């Protein structure tokens, strides 16, 4: 099963439907038990939807990826 750090590292792959079936299962199992990661994934998806709804970002995928990268550190949950 994934750790919180794994969820953070693979969030973009989940959103892009690029996870392997095994990774997807492990991530979903982790989300069943970790409220903080569920919250992180929900916020990540909301951010992606907001960014993709902006016309000026729809034409520049690199800019969108850079903005997501810059703000993703706000949602990192550290394993204790």
N, C-alpha and C. Protein backbone atom coordinates (compact mmCIF):
# COMPACT_ATOMS: atom_id res chain seq x y z
N UNK A 1 0.85 -1.18 0.00
CA UNK A 1 0.00 0.00 0.00
C UNK A 1 0.89 1.24 0.00
N UNK A 2 0.42 2.29 -0.62
CA UNK A 2 1.18 3.52 -0.73
C UNK A 2 1.26 4.25 0.60
N UNK A 3 2.31 5.04 0.75
CA UNK A 3 2.43 5.97 1.87
C UNK A 3 1.85 7.32 1.43
N UNK A 4 1.75 8.24 2.36
CA UNK A 4 1.27 9.58 2.02
C UNK A 4 2.19 10.24 1.00
N UNK A 5 3.47 10.04 1.15
CA UNK A 5 4.43 10.61 0.20
C UNK A 5 4.21 10.04 -1.20
N UNK A 6 3.92 8.74 -1.29
CA UNK A 6 3.64 8.13 -2.60
C UNK A 6 2.42 8.76 -3.25
N UNK A 7 1.39 9.01 -2.44
CA UNK A 7 0.17 9.64 -2.97
C UNK A 7 0.52 11.01 -3.54
N UNK A 8 1.30 11.77 -2.81
CA UNK A 8 1.71 13.09 -3.28
C UNK A 8 2.50 12.98 -4.59
N UNK A 9 3.42 12.05 -4.63
CA UNK A 9 4.26 11.88 -5.81
C UNK A 9 3.49 11.41 -7.04
N UNK A 10 2.41 10.68 -6.84
CA UNK A 10 1.69 10.08 -7.96
C UNK A 10 0.37 10.76 -8.28
N UNK A 11 0.07 11.87 -7.61
CA UNK A 11 -1.22 12.55 -7.83
C UNK A 11 -1.41 12.95 -9.28
N UNK A 12 -0.35 13.46 -9.91
CA UNK A 12 -0.49 13.88 -11.30
C UNK A 12 -0.70 12.70 -12.23
N UNK A 13 -0.11 11.55 -11.91
CA UNK A 13 -0.34 10.35 -12.72
C UNK A 13 -1.76 9.84 -12.57
N UNK A 14 -2.30 9.94 -11.35
CA UNK A 14 -3.69 9.53 -11.11
C UNK A 14 -4.63 10.42 -11.93
N UNK A 15 -4.40 11.71 -11.88
CA UNK A 15 -5.26 12.65 -12.60
C UNK A 15 -5.17 12.44 -14.11
N UNK A 16 -4.00 12.03 -14.58
CA UNK A 16 -3.82 11.81 -16.01
C UNK A 16 -4.13 10.40 -16.45
N UNK A 17 -4.66 9.59 -15.54
CA UNK A 17 -5.00 8.19 -15.82
C UNK A 17 -3.79 7.43 -16.36
N UNK A 18 -2.63 7.66 -15.76
CA UNK A 18 -1.40 7.03 -16.23
C UNK A 18 -0.81 6.06 -15.20
N UNK A 19 -1.58 5.73 -14.17
CA UNK A 19 -1.11 4.77 -13.17
C UNK A 19 -1.36 3.35 -13.65
N UNK A 20 -0.47 2.45 -13.29
CA UNK A 20 -0.70 1.04 -13.58
C UNK A 20 -1.87 0.55 -12.73
N UNK A 21 -2.52 -0.53 -13.11
CA UNK A 21 -3.63 -1.05 -12.31
C UNK A 21 -3.22 -1.34 -10.86
N UNK A 22 -2.02 -1.88 -10.65
CA UNK A 22 -1.57 -2.17 -9.29
C UNK A 22 -1.36 -0.89 -8.49
N UNK A 23 -0.72 0.11 -9.09
CA UNK A 23 -0.52 1.39 -8.41
C UNK A 23 -1.85 2.06 -8.09
N UNK A 24 -2.78 1.96 -9.03
CA UNK A 24 -4.11 2.56 -8.82
C UNK A 24 -4.81 1.90 -7.64
N UNK A 25 -4.72 0.59 -7.55
CA UNK A 25 -5.31 -0.14 -6.43
C UNK A 25 -4.66 0.27 -5.11
N UNK A 26 -3.32 0.31 -5.10
CA UNK A 26 -2.62 0.69 -3.88
C UNK A 26 -2.98 2.11 -3.44
N UNK A 27 -3.09 3.01 -4.40
CA UNK A 27 -3.45 4.38 -4.07
C UNK A 27 -4.86 4.44 -3.50
N UNK A 28 -5.79 3.75 -4.12
CA UNK A 28 -7.18 3.77 -3.63
C UNK A 28 -7.30 3.12 -2.26
N UNK A 29 -6.52 2.09 -1.99
CA UNK A 29 -6.53 1.50 -0.66
C UNK A 29 -6.03 2.50 0.38
N UNK A 30 -4.99 3.23 0.04
CA UNK A 30 -4.47 4.24 0.96
C UNK A 30 -5.52 5.33 1.20
N UNK A 31 -6.19 5.75 0.13
CA UNK A 31 -7.20 6.81 0.27
C UNK A 31 -8.37 6.37 1.14
N UNK A 32 -8.65 5.07 1.18
CA UNK A 32 -9.73 4.59 2.05
C UNK A 32 -9.44 4.84 3.53
N UNK A 33 -8.16 4.83 3.88
CA UNK A 33 -7.84 4.96 5.30
C UNK A 33 -7.23 6.31 5.68
N UNK A 34 -6.89 7.14 4.71
CA UNK A 34 -6.19 8.39 5.01
C UNK A 34 -7.03 9.60 4.58
N UNK A 35 -7.63 10.23 5.54
CA UNK A 35 -8.47 11.40 5.28
C UNK A 35 -7.66 12.55 4.71
N UNK A 36 -6.44 12.74 5.20
CA UNK A 36 -5.61 13.84 4.72
C UNK A 36 -5.27 13.69 3.24
N UNK A 37 -4.97 12.49 2.82
CA UNK A 37 -4.66 12.26 1.40
C UNK A 37 -5.91 12.40 0.54
N UNK A 38 -7.05 11.99 1.04
CA UNK A 38 -8.31 12.21 0.29
C UNK A 38 -8.52 13.70 0.09
N UNK A 39 -8.29 14.47 1.13
CA UNK A 39 -8.42 15.93 1.04
C UNK A 39 -7.43 16.49 0.02
N UNK A 40 -6.18 16.01 0.08
CA UNK A 40 -5.16 16.46 -0.86
C UNK A 40 -5.57 16.17 -2.31
N UNK A 41 -6.02 14.94 -2.58
CA UNK A 41 -6.42 14.56 -3.94
C UNK A 41 -7.61 15.41 -4.40
N UNK A 42 -8.56 15.66 -3.51
CA UNK A 42 -9.71 16.51 -3.87
C UNK A 42 -9.24 17.91 -4.22
N UNK A 43 -8.35 18.48 -3.42
CA UNK A 43 -7.84 19.82 -3.72
C UNK A 43 -7.02 19.83 -5.00
N UNK A 44 -6.25 18.80 -5.22
CA UNK A 44 -5.45 18.68 -6.43
C UNK A 44 -6.37 18.68 -7.65
N UNK A 45 -7.43 17.89 -7.60
CA UNK A 45 -8.38 17.82 -8.72
C UNK A 45 -9.08 19.16 -8.93
N UNK A 46 -9.48 19.81 -7.84
CA UNK A 46 -10.13 21.12 -7.97
C UNK A 46 -9.19 22.12 -8.63
N UNK A 47 -7.92 22.09 -8.23
CA UNK A 47 -6.93 23.00 -8.81
C UNK A 47 -6.76 22.72 -10.30
N UNK A 48 -6.67 21.44 -10.67
CA UNK A 48 -6.55 21.09 -12.09
C UNK A 48 -7.76 21.56 -12.88
N UNK A 49 -8.96 21.40 -12.32
CA UNK A 49 -10.17 21.83 -13.02
C UNK A 49 -10.20 23.35 -13.20
N UNK A 50 -9.82 24.07 -12.16
CA UNK A 50 -9.79 25.53 -12.25
C UNK A 50 -8.78 25.97 -13.30
N UNK A 51 -7.60 25.38 -13.25
CA UNK A 51 -6.57 25.77 -14.21
C UNK A 51 -6.95 25.40 -15.64
N UNK A 52 -7.57 24.26 -15.82
CA UNK A 52 -7.92 23.85 -17.18
C UNK A 52 -9.10 24.64 -17.73
N UNK A 53 -9.87 25.29 -16.86
CA UNK A 53 -11.01 26.07 -17.33
C UNK A 53 -10.57 27.44 -17.84
N UNK A 54 -9.36 27.82 -17.58
CA UNK A 54 -8.82 29.10 -18.03
C UNK A 54 -8.29 28.95 -19.45
N UNK A 55 -8.80 29.73 -20.38
CA UNK A 55 -8.39 29.60 -21.79
C UNK A 55 -6.90 29.83 -21.98
N UNK A 56 -6.33 30.76 -21.27
CA UNK A 56 -4.92 31.05 -21.48
C UNK A 56 -4.04 29.91 -21.02
N UNK A 57 -4.53 29.03 -20.16
CA UNK A 57 -3.75 27.88 -19.74
C UNK A 57 -4.02 26.66 -20.62
N UNK A 58 -5.17 26.60 -21.23
CA UNK A 58 -5.50 25.46 -22.08
C UNK A 58 -4.52 25.36 -23.24
N UNK A 59 -3.98 26.45 -23.66
CA UNK A 59 -3.09 26.45 -24.81
C UNK A 59 -1.62 26.26 -24.42
N UNK A 60 -1.34 26.25 -23.13
CA UNK A 60 0.04 26.12 -22.69
C UNK A 60 0.13 25.09 -21.56
N UNK A 61 0.26 23.83 -21.92
CA UNK A 61 0.31 22.75 -20.93
C UNK A 61 1.53 22.87 -20.04
N UNK A 62 2.63 23.39 -20.56
CA UNK A 62 3.85 23.55 -19.76
C UNK A 62 3.63 24.56 -18.64
N UNK A 63 2.91 25.64 -18.93
CA UNK A 63 2.63 26.65 -17.90
C UNK A 63 1.73 26.06 -16.82
N UNK A 64 0.73 25.28 -17.22
CA UNK A 64 -0.15 24.64 -16.26
C UNK A 64 0.64 23.70 -15.35
N UNK A 65 1.50 22.90 -15.93
CA UNK A 65 2.30 21.96 -15.15
C UNK A 65 3.22 22.70 -14.18
N UNK A 66 3.77 23.82 -14.62
CA UNK A 66 4.67 24.61 -13.76
C UNK A 66 3.91 25.22 -12.58
N UNK A 67 2.71 25.71 -12.83
CA UNK A 67 1.91 26.28 -11.75
C UNK A 67 1.53 25.20 -10.74
N UNK A 68 1.11 24.04 -11.23
CA UNK A 68 0.77 22.93 -10.33
C UNK A 68 1.98 22.52 -9.51
N UNK A 69 3.13 22.46 -10.15
CA UNK A 69 4.37 22.09 -9.45
C UNK A 69 4.69 23.10 -8.35
N UNK A 70 4.55 24.39 -8.64
CA UNK A 70 4.88 25.43 -7.68
C UNK A 70 3.96 25.40 -6.46
N UNK A 71 2.70 25.06 -6.65
CA UNK A 71 1.76 25.07 -5.54
C UNK A 71 1.61 23.72 -4.86
N UNK A 72 2.13 22.66 -5.43
CA UNK A 72 1.93 21.32 -4.85
C UNK A 72 2.58 21.17 -3.49
N UNK A 73 3.64 21.93 -3.22
CA UNK A 73 4.30 21.80 -1.91
C UNK A 73 3.40 22.24 -0.76
N UNK A 74 2.36 23.02 -1.02
CA UNK A 74 1.43 23.42 0.04
C UNK A 74 0.62 22.23 0.53
N UNK A 75 0.51 21.18 -0.27
CA UNK A 75 -0.34 20.05 0.06
C UNK A 75 0.42 18.80 0.45
N UNK A 76 1.72 18.90 0.58
CA UNK A 76 2.53 17.74 0.93
C UNK A 76 2.28 17.37 2.37
N UNK A 77 1.96 16.12 2.60
CA UNK A 77 1.79 15.60 3.95
C UNK A 77 3.00 14.74 4.25
N UNK A 78 3.68 15.05 5.30
CA UNK A 78 4.88 14.31 5.66
C UNK A 78 4.52 13.11 6.54
N UNK A 79 5.13 11.97 6.24
CA UNK A 79 4.98 10.79 7.09
C UNK A 79 5.71 11.07 8.40
N UNK A 80 5.08 10.71 9.48
CA UNK A 80 5.70 10.94 10.80
C UNK A 80 6.18 9.63 11.37
